[in-house]
């Protein structure tokens, strides 16, 4: 099967197109196995260069799950610090989906946290996971040091050059104006 790509007004230079196989399950009998998800332990990580946490969500059945909506709320000692929603997620049969939640460096501090994850599918199945965890100071320091943080540029010299340029231009204007006036006074 090839995923449909929405039509656009402009033709892009590069188009990503991929194909995938949808499995067919043949079974004896009419009973359906119940869909089942489980959540593992919350761990601090660096995800895409940012500080965050990861929770392994396991699909323990031989059922592919698609069109999943994953909503999460992260709280520190009762105060909400991050809320996130992902739509159209998929989990393969008998696999693990490493759900990651990244948040800002200044909020990534040691303490007690509560993470609520609600996963729903197109067939109105719903799974809720509530995880309480503690970030220790050593873990926070280790993750913050491994994260990629934008470097603060030291560009004071650019401002100094701009200031110098403005002073030179002003000096030239005053010099030209003063010389013009002096010539007018000597010619009269």
N, C-alpha and C. Protein backbone atom coordinates (compact mmCIF):
# COMPACT_ATOMS: atom_id res chain seq x y z
N UNK A 1 0.85 -1.17 0.00
CA UNK A 1 0.00 0.00 0.00
C UNK A 1 0.90 1.23 0.00
N UNK A 2 0.51 2.25 -0.72
CA UNK A 2 1.24 3.51 -0.77
C UNK A 2 0.39 4.58 -0.11
N UNK A 3 1.00 5.33 0.77
CA UNK A 3 0.27 6.38 1.49
C UNK A 3 -0.06 7.52 0.53
N UNK A 4 -1.30 8.00 0.58
CA UNK A 4 -1.73 9.10 -0.28
C UNK A 4 -1.07 10.40 0.17
N UNK A 5 -0.60 11.17 -0.80
CA UNK A 5 0.01 12.46 -0.53
C UNK A 5 -0.97 13.54 -0.96
N UNK A 6 -1.33 14.49 -0.06
CA UNK A 6 -2.29 15.53 -0.43
C UNK A 6 -1.76 16.37 -1.59
N UNK A 7 -2.67 16.75 -2.50
CA UNK A 7 -2.29 17.56 -3.65
C UNK A 7 -2.06 18.99 -3.19
N UNK A 8 -1.05 19.66 -3.79
CA UNK A 8 -0.70 21.03 -3.44
C UNK A 8 -0.75 21.87 -4.70
N UNK A 9 -0.88 23.20 -4.50
CA UNK A 9 -0.89 24.14 -5.63
C UNK A 9 0.44 24.14 -6.35
N UNK A 10 1.51 24.17 -5.61
CA UNK A 10 2.86 24.20 -6.18
C UNK A 10 3.44 22.79 -6.17
N UNK A 11 4.18 22.47 -7.18
CA UNK A 11 4.85 21.17 -7.22
C UNK A 11 6.17 21.28 -6.46
N UNK A 12 6.33 20.51 -5.37
CA UNK A 12 7.57 20.60 -4.60
C UNK A 12 8.74 19.98 -5.35
N UNK A 13 9.92 20.40 -5.00
CA UNK A 13 11.13 19.87 -5.61
C UNK A 13 11.39 18.43 -5.17
N UNK A 14 11.05 18.11 -3.94
CA UNK A 14 11.34 16.80 -3.38
C UNK A 14 10.09 16.29 -2.69
N UNK A 15 9.68 15.08 -3.00
CA UNK A 15 8.49 14.50 -2.41
C UNK A 15 8.88 13.16 -1.78
N UNK A 16 8.55 13.00 -0.50
CA UNK A 16 8.78 11.72 0.17
C UNK A 16 7.56 10.85 -0.04
N UNK A 17 7.77 9.68 -0.59
CA UNK A 17 6.68 8.75 -0.78
C UNK A 17 7.17 7.39 -0.31
N UNK A 18 6.36 6.72 0.47
CA UNK A 18 6.79 5.43 0.97
C UNK A 18 5.63 4.44 0.89
N UNK A 19 5.99 3.19 0.87
CA UNK A 19 5.01 2.12 0.81
C UNK A 19 5.18 1.26 2.05
N UNK A 20 4.11 0.60 2.42
CA UNK A 20 4.18 -0.31 3.55
C UNK A 20 3.19 -1.43 3.33
N UNK A 21 3.35 -2.47 4.09
CA UNK A 21 2.52 -3.65 3.95
C UNK A 21 1.55 -3.70 5.13
N UNK A 22 0.30 -3.94 4.82
CA UNK A 22 -0.69 -4.14 5.88
C UNK A 22 -0.89 -5.64 5.99
N UNK A 23 -0.66 -6.13 7.18
CA UNK A 23 -0.75 -7.57 7.40
C UNK A 23 -2.18 -8.06 7.41
N UNK A 24 -2.37 -9.29 7.04
CA UNK A 24 -3.67 -9.95 7.06
C UNK A 24 -3.59 -11.06 8.10
N UNK A 25 -4.54 -11.06 9.01
CA UNK A 25 -4.54 -12.08 10.05
C UNK A 25 -5.68 -13.04 9.78
N UNK A 26 -5.34 -14.29 9.73
CA UNK A 26 -6.34 -15.33 9.53
C UNK A 26 -6.46 -16.08 10.85
N UNK A 27 -7.70 -16.32 11.28
CA UNK A 27 -7.89 -17.00 12.56
C UNK A 27 -9.05 -17.98 12.45
N UNK A 28 -9.06 -18.91 13.34
CA UNK A 28 -10.17 -19.85 13.42
C UNK A 28 -11.11 -19.36 14.50
N UNK A 29 -12.36 -19.38 14.24
CA UNK A 29 -13.33 -18.95 15.23
C UNK A 29 -13.68 -17.49 15.03
N UNK A 30 -14.64 -17.05 15.82
CA UNK A 30 -15.13 -15.68 15.65
C UNK A 30 -14.69 -14.74 16.76
N UNK A 31 -13.99 -15.27 17.73
CA UNK A 31 -13.61 -14.41 18.85
C UNK A 31 -12.40 -13.55 18.50
N UNK A 32 -12.46 -12.34 18.96
CA UNK A 32 -11.41 -11.36 18.73
C UNK A 32 -10.57 -11.23 19.99
N UNK A 33 -9.27 -11.18 19.86
CA UNK A 33 -8.45 -10.96 21.05
C UNK A 33 -8.53 -9.48 21.41
N UNK A 34 -8.61 -9.23 22.68
CA UNK A 34 -8.73 -7.85 23.18
C UNK A 34 -7.41 -7.12 22.98
N UNK A 35 -7.51 -5.86 22.53
CA UNK A 35 -6.31 -5.03 22.38
C UNK A 35 -5.77 -4.71 23.76
N UNK A 36 -4.45 -4.72 23.87
CA UNK A 36 -3.85 -4.49 25.18
C UNK A 36 -2.56 -3.69 25.04
N UNK A 37 -2.44 -2.64 25.84
CA UNK A 37 -1.22 -1.83 25.91
C UNK A 37 -0.76 -1.79 27.35
N UNK A 38 0.55 -1.72 27.54
CA UNK A 38 1.10 -1.55 28.89
C UNK A 38 2.22 -0.52 28.83
N UNK A 39 2.42 0.16 29.94
CA UNK A 39 3.46 1.20 30.02
C UNK A 39 4.55 0.76 30.98
N UNK A 40 5.78 1.02 30.58
CA UNK A 40 6.93 0.66 31.40
C UNK A 40 7.34 1.79 32.34
N UNK A 41 8.59 1.73 32.76
CA UNK A 41 9.14 2.68 33.72
C UNK A 41 9.56 3.99 33.04
N UNK A 42 9.31 5.10 33.71
CA UNK A 42 9.69 6.42 33.20
C UNK A 42 11.18 6.63 33.45
N UNK A 43 11.89 7.07 32.38
CA UNK A 43 13.34 7.30 32.51
C UNK A 43 13.70 8.66 31.92
N UNK A 44 14.65 9.35 32.55
CA UNK A 44 15.12 10.63 31.99
C UNK A 44 16.02 10.37 30.78
N UNK A 45 15.84 11.16 29.72
CA UNK A 45 16.61 10.98 28.48
C UNK A 45 16.87 12.33 27.81
N UNK A 46 17.74 12.26 26.81
CA UNK A 46 17.91 13.36 25.88
C UNK A 46 17.23 12.90 24.60
N UNK A 47 16.18 13.61 24.20
CA UNK A 47 15.42 13.24 23.01
C UNK A 47 15.50 14.36 21.99
N UNK A 48 16.09 14.08 20.83
CA UNK A 48 16.29 15.06 19.77
C UNK A 48 17.04 16.30 20.29
N UNK A 49 18.01 16.06 21.16
CA UNK A 49 18.85 17.14 21.68
C UNK A 49 18.23 17.91 22.82
N UNK A 50 17.04 17.52 23.28
CA UNK A 50 16.36 18.23 24.36
C UNK A 50 16.20 17.34 25.58
N UNK A 51 16.11 17.97 26.73
CA UNK A 51 15.89 17.23 27.97
C UNK A 51 14.47 16.69 27.99
N UNK A 52 14.29 15.51 28.57
CA UNK A 52 12.95 14.95 28.65
C UNK A 52 12.93 13.60 29.33
N UNK A 53 11.83 12.90 29.11
CA UNK A 53 11.65 11.57 29.67
C UNK A 53 11.13 10.66 28.56
N UNK A 54 11.24 9.35 28.80
CA UNK A 54 10.67 8.38 27.87
C UNK A 54 9.95 7.31 28.67
N UNK A 55 8.86 6.82 28.06
CA UNK A 55 8.06 5.75 28.65
C UNK A 55 7.83 4.72 27.54
N UNK A 56 8.26 3.48 27.73
CA UNK A 56 7.99 2.46 26.70
C UNK A 56 6.54 1.99 26.79
N UNK A 57 5.79 2.19 25.69
CA UNK A 57 4.41 1.71 25.60
C UNK A 57 4.46 0.42 24.78
N UNK A 58 4.04 -0.70 25.38
CA UNK A 58 4.14 -2.01 24.73
C UNK A 58 2.80 -2.47 24.21
N UNK A 59 2.80 -2.92 22.96
CA UNK A 59 1.65 -3.59 22.36
C UNK A 59 1.94 -5.08 22.47
N UNK A 60 1.32 -5.74 23.43
CA UNK A 60 1.66 -7.14 23.73
C UNK A 60 0.85 -8.14 22.92
N UNK A 61 -0.09 -7.67 22.12
CA UNK A 61 -0.91 -8.55 21.28
C UNK A 61 -0.39 -8.56 19.85
N UNK A 62 -0.88 -9.51 19.07
CA UNK A 62 -0.50 -9.60 17.67
C UNK A 62 -1.46 -8.78 16.81
N UNK A 63 -1.80 -7.60 17.30
CA UNK A 63 -2.69 -6.68 16.58
C UNK A 63 -1.94 -5.41 16.26
N UNK A 64 -2.01 -4.97 15.01
CA UNK A 64 -1.45 -3.66 14.67
C UNK A 64 -2.45 -2.61 15.14
N UNK A 65 -1.94 -1.54 15.69
CA UNK A 65 -2.80 -0.46 16.17
C UNK A 65 -2.47 0.81 15.42
N UNK A 66 -3.47 1.39 14.79
CA UNK A 66 -3.27 2.63 14.05
C UNK A 66 -4.26 3.68 14.49
N UNK A 67 -4.08 4.89 13.98
CA UNK A 67 -4.95 6.03 14.29
C UNK A 67 -5.07 6.24 15.80
N UNK A 68 -3.94 6.15 16.49
CA UNK A 68 -3.92 6.36 17.94
C UNK A 68 -3.72 7.84 18.25
N UNK A 69 -4.40 8.31 19.28
CA UNK A 69 -4.19 9.65 19.81
C UNK A 69 -3.57 9.49 21.19
N UNK A 70 -2.42 10.13 21.40
CA UNK A 70 -1.72 10.03 22.67
C UNK A 70 -1.72 11.41 23.31
N UNK A 71 -2.36 11.52 24.48
CA UNK A 71 -2.40 12.79 25.21
C UNK A 71 -1.67 12.58 26.53
N UNK A 72 -0.82 13.54 26.88
CA UNK A 72 -0.08 13.41 28.14
C UNK A 72 -0.07 14.73 28.88
N UNK A 73 -0.06 14.62 30.20
CA UNK A 73 0.04 15.77 31.09
C UNK A 73 1.13 15.46 32.11
N UNK A 74 2.10 16.36 32.21
CA UNK A 74 3.19 16.20 33.16
C UNK A 74 3.03 17.24 34.26
N UNK A 75 3.08 16.78 35.50
CA UNK A 75 2.95 17.69 36.65
C UNK A 75 4.12 17.49 37.59
N UNK A 76 4.55 18.60 38.21
CA UNK A 76 5.56 18.54 39.26
C UNK A 76 4.91 19.02 40.53
N UNK A 77 4.79 18.11 41.47
CA UNK A 77 4.18 18.40 42.76
C UNK A 77 2.82 19.10 42.60
N UNK A 78 2.00 18.55 41.68
CA UNK A 78 0.64 19.05 41.48
C UNK A 78 0.49 20.18 40.47
N UNK A 79 1.59 20.81 40.07
CA UNK A 79 1.52 21.94 39.13
C UNK A 79 1.84 21.45 37.72
N UNK A 80 0.94 21.73 36.77
CA UNK A 80 1.14 21.28 35.39
C UNK A 80 2.28 22.06 34.74
N UNK A 81 3.24 21.32 34.15
CA UNK A 81 4.35 22.00 33.49
C UNK A 81 4.44 21.67 32.00
N UNK A 82 3.74 20.61 31.56
CA UNK A 82 3.80 20.26 30.14
C UNK A 82 2.56 19.45 29.77
N UNK A 83 1.98 19.81 28.63
CA UNK A 83 0.82 19.09 28.10
C UNK A 83 1.09 18.86 26.62
N UNK A 84 0.85 17.63 26.15
CA UNK A 84 1.17 17.31 24.76
C UNK A 84 0.13 16.37 24.18
N UNK A 85 -0.10 16.50 22.86
CA UNK A 85 -1.03 15.62 22.16
C UNK A 85 -0.41 15.22 20.82
N UNK A 86 -0.42 13.93 20.55
CA UNK A 86 0.05 13.40 19.27
C UNK A 86 -1.11 12.63 18.64
N UNK A 87 -1.32 12.85 17.35
CA UNK A 87 -2.40 12.16 16.64
C UNK A 87 -1.83 11.26 15.55
N UNK A 88 -2.64 10.31 15.15
CA UNK A 88 -2.31 9.38 14.07
C UNK A 88 -1.02 8.60 14.31
N UNK A 89 -0.83 8.13 15.51
CA UNK A 89 0.32 7.29 15.82
C UNK A 89 -0.02 5.83 15.52
N UNK A 90 1.00 5.03 15.31
CA UNK A 90 0.80 3.62 15.02
C UNK A 90 1.77 2.79 15.86
N UNK A 91 1.29 1.63 16.29
CA UNK A 91 2.15 0.70 17.03
C UNK A 91 2.02 -0.65 16.34
N UNK A 92 3.15 -1.22 15.97
CA UNK A 92 3.17 -2.52 15.31
C UNK A 92 2.83 -3.62 16.31
N UNK A 93 2.42 -4.78 15.80
CA UNK A 93 2.14 -5.91 16.70
C UNK A 93 3.38 -6.35 17.46
N UNK A 94 3.19 -6.74 18.71
CA UNK A 94 4.27 -7.25 19.56
C UNK A 94 5.49 -6.34 19.53
N UNK A 95 5.30 -5.06 19.77
CA UNK A 95 6.41 -4.11 19.71
C UNK A 95 6.28 -3.08 20.82
N UNK A 96 7.29 -2.22 20.89
CA UNK A 96 7.33 -1.17 21.90
C UNK A 96 7.42 0.18 21.21
N UNK A 97 6.57 1.09 21.63
CA UNK A 97 6.58 2.47 21.14
C UNK A 97 7.24 3.32 22.22
N UNK A 98 8.44 3.84 21.98
CA UNK A 98 9.12 4.64 23.01
C UNK A 98 8.56 6.06 23.04
N UNK A 99 7.53 6.28 23.85
CA UNK A 99 6.90 7.60 23.94
C UNK A 99 7.84 8.55 24.66
N UNK A 100 8.18 9.65 24.00
CA UNK A 100 9.09 10.64 24.59
C UNK A 100 8.36 11.95 24.81
N UNK A 101 8.69 12.60 25.89
CA UNK A 101 8.14 13.90 26.22
C UNK A 101 9.31 14.80 26.59
N UNK A 102 9.54 15.83 25.79
CA UNK A 102 10.65 16.75 26.10
C UNK A 102 10.08 18.03 26.66
N UNK A 103 10.88 18.67 27.53
CA UNK A 103 10.45 19.96 28.05
C UNK A 103 11.64 20.85 28.29
N UNK A 104 11.37 22.11 28.59
CA UNK A 104 12.40 23.14 28.66
C UNK A 104 13.42 22.87 29.74
N UNK A 105 14.63 23.36 29.47
CA UNK A 105 15.76 23.15 30.37
C UNK A 105 15.50 23.75 31.76
N UNK A 106 14.87 24.94 31.80
CA UNK A 106 14.67 25.59 33.10
C UNK A 106 13.66 24.85 33.97
N UNK A 107 12.73 24.09 33.34
CA UNK A 107 11.75 23.31 34.12
C UNK A 107 12.26 21.92 34.47
N UNK A 108 13.39 21.53 33.90
CA UNK A 108 13.93 20.19 34.11
C UNK A 108 14.79 20.21 35.38
N UNK A 109 14.13 20.02 36.50
CA UNK A 109 14.80 20.11 37.80
C UNK A 109 14.48 18.84 38.61
N UNK A 110 15.30 18.54 39.61
CA UNK A 110 15.00 17.39 40.46
C UNK A 110 13.69 17.60 41.21
N UNK A 111 12.99 16.50 41.44
CA UNK A 111 11.73 16.58 42.18
C UNK A 111 10.84 15.39 41.89
N UNK A 112 9.64 15.46 42.47
CA UNK A 112 8.63 14.41 42.29
C UNK A 112 7.67 14.82 41.18
N UNK A 113 7.42 13.91 40.25
CA UNK A 113 6.60 14.20 39.08
C UNK A 113 5.47 13.18 38.95
N UNK A 114 4.41 13.62 38.28
CA UNK A 114 3.30 12.74 37.94
C UNK A 114 3.07 12.88 36.43
N UNK A 115 2.99 11.75 35.74
CA UNK A 115 2.75 11.73 34.31
C UNK A 115 1.48 10.94 34.03
N UNK A 116 0.53 11.58 33.36
CA UNK A 116 -0.71 10.92 32.96
C UNK A 116 -0.71 10.80 31.45
N UNK A 117 -0.89 9.58 30.94
CA UNK A 117 -0.95 9.32 29.51
C UNK A 117 -2.29 8.65 29.21
N UNK A 118 -3.02 9.20 28.24
CA UNK A 118 -4.27 8.62 27.79
C UNK A 118 -4.13 8.33 26.30
N UNK A 119 -4.34 7.06 25.92
CA UNK A 119 -4.23 6.65 24.52
C UNK A 119 -5.61 6.17 24.07
N UNK A 120 -6.08 6.71 22.96
CA UNK A 120 -7.35 6.27 22.40
C UNK A 120 -7.14 5.88 20.95
N UNK A 121 -7.97 4.95 20.46
CA UNK A 121 -7.87 4.55 19.06
C UNK A 121 -9.18 4.87 18.34
N UNK A 122 -9.23 4.58 17.05
CA UNK A 122 -10.40 4.90 16.22
C UNK A 122 -11.60 4.04 16.59
N UNK A 123 -11.38 2.94 17.28
CA UNK A 123 -12.46 2.04 17.68
C UNK A 123 -12.94 2.31 19.11
N UNK A 124 -12.61 3.48 19.63
CA UNK A 124 -13.03 3.93 20.96
C UNK A 124 -12.45 3.12 22.12
N UNK A 125 -11.35 2.43 21.89
CA UNK A 125 -10.64 1.82 23.01
C UNK A 125 -9.86 2.92 23.71
N UNK A 126 -9.69 2.77 25.01
CA UNK A 126 -8.99 3.81 25.78
C UNK A 126 -8.11 3.14 26.83
N UNK A 127 -6.86 3.63 26.90
CA UNK A 127 -5.92 3.15 27.90
C UNK A 127 -5.39 4.35 28.67
N UNK A 128 -5.37 4.25 29.98
CA UNK A 128 -4.87 5.35 30.83
C UNK A 128 -3.72 4.82 31.67
N UNK A 129 -2.67 5.60 31.72
CA UNK A 129 -1.51 5.25 32.54
C UNK A 129 -1.15 6.45 33.40
N UNK A 130 -1.02 6.22 34.68
CA UNK A 130 -0.58 7.26 35.61
C UNK A 130 0.71 6.79 36.26
N UNK A 131 1.76 7.56 36.02
CA UNK A 131 3.07 7.18 36.52
C UNK A 131 3.59 8.27 37.44
N UNK A 132 4.04 7.88 38.60
CA UNK A 132 4.73 8.80 39.50
C UNK A 132 6.20 8.42 39.49
N UNK A 133 7.05 9.44 39.40
CA UNK A 133 8.48 9.17 39.35
C UNK A 133 9.22 10.34 39.98
N UNK A 134 10.47 10.09 40.31
CA UNK A 134 11.33 11.11 40.92
C UNK A 134 12.57 11.30 40.05
N UNK A 135 12.87 12.55 39.74
CA UNK A 135 14.13 12.85 39.05
C UNK A 135 15.14 13.24 40.12
N UNK A 136 16.24 12.52 40.15
CA UNK A 136 17.30 12.80 41.12
C UNK A 136 18.25 13.84 40.54
N UNK A 137 18.97 14.54 41.39
CA UNK A 137 19.88 15.61 40.97
C UNK A 137 20.95 15.09 40.02
N UNK A 138 21.48 13.89 40.29
CA UNK A 138 22.53 13.34 39.41
C UNK A 138 21.98 13.06 38.01
N UNK A 139 20.76 12.52 37.93
CA UNK A 139 20.15 12.24 36.64
C UNK A 139 19.90 13.52 35.85
N UNK A 140 19.40 14.53 36.53
CA UNK A 140 19.11 15.81 35.88
C UNK A 140 20.39 16.43 35.33
N UNK A 141 21.45 16.44 36.13
CA UNK A 141 22.73 17.01 35.69
C UNK A 141 23.29 16.24 34.50
N UNK A 142 23.22 14.92 34.55
CA UNK A 142 23.74 14.09 33.47
C UNK A 142 22.97 14.36 32.16
N UNK A 143 21.65 14.44 32.23
CA UNK A 143 20.84 14.67 31.04
C UNK A 143 21.04 16.10 30.52
N UNK A 144 21.09 17.07 31.41
CA UNK A 144 21.29 18.46 30.97
C UNK A 144 22.64 18.64 30.28
N UNK A 145 23.67 17.96 30.79
CA UNK A 145 24.99 18.06 30.18
C UNK A 145 25.04 17.40 28.80
N UNK A 146 24.23 16.36 28.61
CA UNK A 146 24.21 15.66 27.32
C UNK A 146 23.33 16.36 26.28
N UNK A 147 22.43 17.23 26.74
CA UNK A 147 21.51 17.91 25.82
C UNK A 147 22.23 18.97 25.00
N UNK A 148 21.68 19.25 23.83
CA UNK A 148 22.23 20.28 22.96
C UNK A 148 21.50 21.58 23.28
N UNK A 149 22.25 22.55 23.73
CA UNK A 149 21.65 23.85 24.06
C UNK A 149 22.18 24.88 23.09
N UNK A 150 21.32 25.80 22.65
CA UNK A 150 21.82 26.83 21.75
C UNK A 150 22.89 27.66 22.43
N UNK A 151 23.99 27.86 21.73
CA UNK A 151 25.09 28.63 22.27
C UNK A 151 24.75 30.11 22.26
N UNK A 152 25.07 30.77 23.35
CA UNK A 152 24.88 32.20 23.43
C UNK A 152 26.04 32.84 22.68
N UNK A 153 25.71 33.60 21.67
CA UNK A 153 26.76 34.19 20.85
C UNK A 153 27.34 35.42 21.54
N UNK A 154 28.65 35.51 21.50
CA UNK A 154 29.36 36.65 22.05
C UNK A 154 29.60 37.65 20.92
N UNK A 155 28.64 38.53 20.70
CA UNK A 155 28.75 39.45 19.57
C UNK A 155 28.87 40.91 20.01
N UNK A 156 29.53 41.15 21.12
CA UNK A 156 29.72 42.52 21.59
C UNK A 156 30.57 43.31 20.60
N UNK A 157 31.50 42.63 19.90
CA UNK A 157 32.39 43.31 18.96
C UNK A 157 31.61 43.85 17.77
N UNK A 158 30.50 43.18 17.38
CA UNK A 158 29.68 43.68 16.27
C UNK A 158 29.06 45.02 16.66
N UNK A 159 28.54 45.09 17.88
CA UNK A 159 27.94 46.34 18.35
C UNK A 159 29.01 47.43 18.48
N UNK A 160 30.21 47.06 18.89
CA UNK A 160 31.29 48.03 19.00
C UNK A 160 31.64 48.58 17.61
N UNK A 161 31.72 47.72 16.59
CA UNK A 161 32.01 48.17 15.23
C UNK A 161 30.90 49.06 14.68
N UNK A 162 29.65 48.71 14.95
CA UNK A 162 28.54 49.55 14.50
C UNK A 162 28.63 50.93 15.15
N UNK A 163 28.91 50.98 16.44
CA UNK A 163 29.06 52.26 17.15
C UNK A 163 30.20 53.08 16.58
N UNK A 164 31.33 52.42 16.31
CA UNK A 164 32.48 53.11 15.73
C UNK A 164 32.14 53.68 14.35
N UNK A 165 31.43 52.90 13.55
CA UNK A 165 31.02 53.34 12.22
C UNK A 165 30.10 54.56 12.32
N UNK A 166 29.16 54.55 13.24
CA UNK A 166 28.25 55.69 13.43
C UNK A 166 29.03 56.94 13.86
N UNK A 167 30.00 56.78 14.76
CA UNK A 167 30.81 57.92 15.21
C UNK A 167 31.62 58.48 14.05
N UNK A 168 32.20 57.64 13.21
CA UNK A 168 32.99 58.10 12.06
C UNK A 168 32.10 58.86 11.08
N UNK A 169 30.92 58.32 10.78
CA UNK A 169 29.98 58.99 9.86
C UNK A 169 29.57 60.35 10.42
N UNK A 170 29.24 60.40 11.70
CA UNK A 170 28.87 61.69 12.32
C UNK A 170 30.04 62.67 12.27
N UNK A 171 31.24 62.16 12.53
CA UNK A 171 32.43 63.02 12.48
C UNK A 171 32.64 63.58 11.08
N UNK A 172 32.47 62.76 10.04
CA UNK A 172 32.61 63.23 8.66
C UNK A 172 31.55 64.28 8.32
N UNK A 173 30.33 64.06 8.73
CA UNK A 173 29.26 65.04 8.45
C UNK A 173 29.57 66.36 9.12
N UNK A 174 30.00 66.33 10.37
CA UNK A 174 30.34 67.58 11.09
C UNK A 174 31.53 68.25 10.43
N UNK A 175 32.54 67.49 10.04
CA UNK A 175 33.73 68.05 9.39
C UNK A 175 33.36 68.72 8.07
N UNK A 176 32.56 68.05 7.24
CA UNK A 176 32.14 68.63 5.95
C UNK A 176 31.32 69.90 6.18
N UNK A 177 30.38 69.84 7.10
CA UNK A 177 29.54 71.01 7.39
C UNK A 177 30.40 72.17 7.91
N UNK A 178 31.34 71.92 8.80
CA UNK A 178 32.20 72.95 9.37
C UNK A 178 33.10 73.56 8.29
N UNK A 179 33.71 72.72 7.41
CA UNK A 179 34.56 73.22 6.31
C UNK A 179 33.76 74.07 5.34
N UNK A 180 32.55 73.65 4.99
CA UNK A 180 31.71 74.41 4.07
C UNK A 180 31.38 75.78 4.66
N UNK A 181 31.09 75.83 5.91
CA UNK A 181 30.75 77.08 6.58
C UNK A 181 31.98 78.00 6.66
N UNK A 182 33.13 77.42 6.94
CA UNK A 182 34.36 78.21 7.03
C UNK A 182 34.72 78.82 5.69
N UNK A 183 34.54 78.06 4.61
CA UNK A 183 34.83 78.59 3.26
C UNK A 183 33.86 79.72 2.91
N UNK A 184 32.59 79.55 3.31
CA UNK A 184 31.62 80.61 3.04
C UNK A 184 31.98 81.89 3.79
N UNK A 185 32.47 81.75 5.02
CA UNK A 185 32.83 82.92 5.84
C UNK A 185 34.10 83.61 5.31
N UNK A 186 35.03 82.86 4.77
CA UNK A 186 36.26 83.48 4.23
C UNK A 186 36.02 84.10 2.86
N UNK A 187 35.10 83.62 2.07
CA UNK A 187 34.79 84.17 0.76
C UNK A 187 33.95 85.45 0.88
N UNK A 188 33.29 85.70 1.91
CA UNK A 188 32.43 86.88 2.03
C UNK A 188 33.18 88.09 2.41
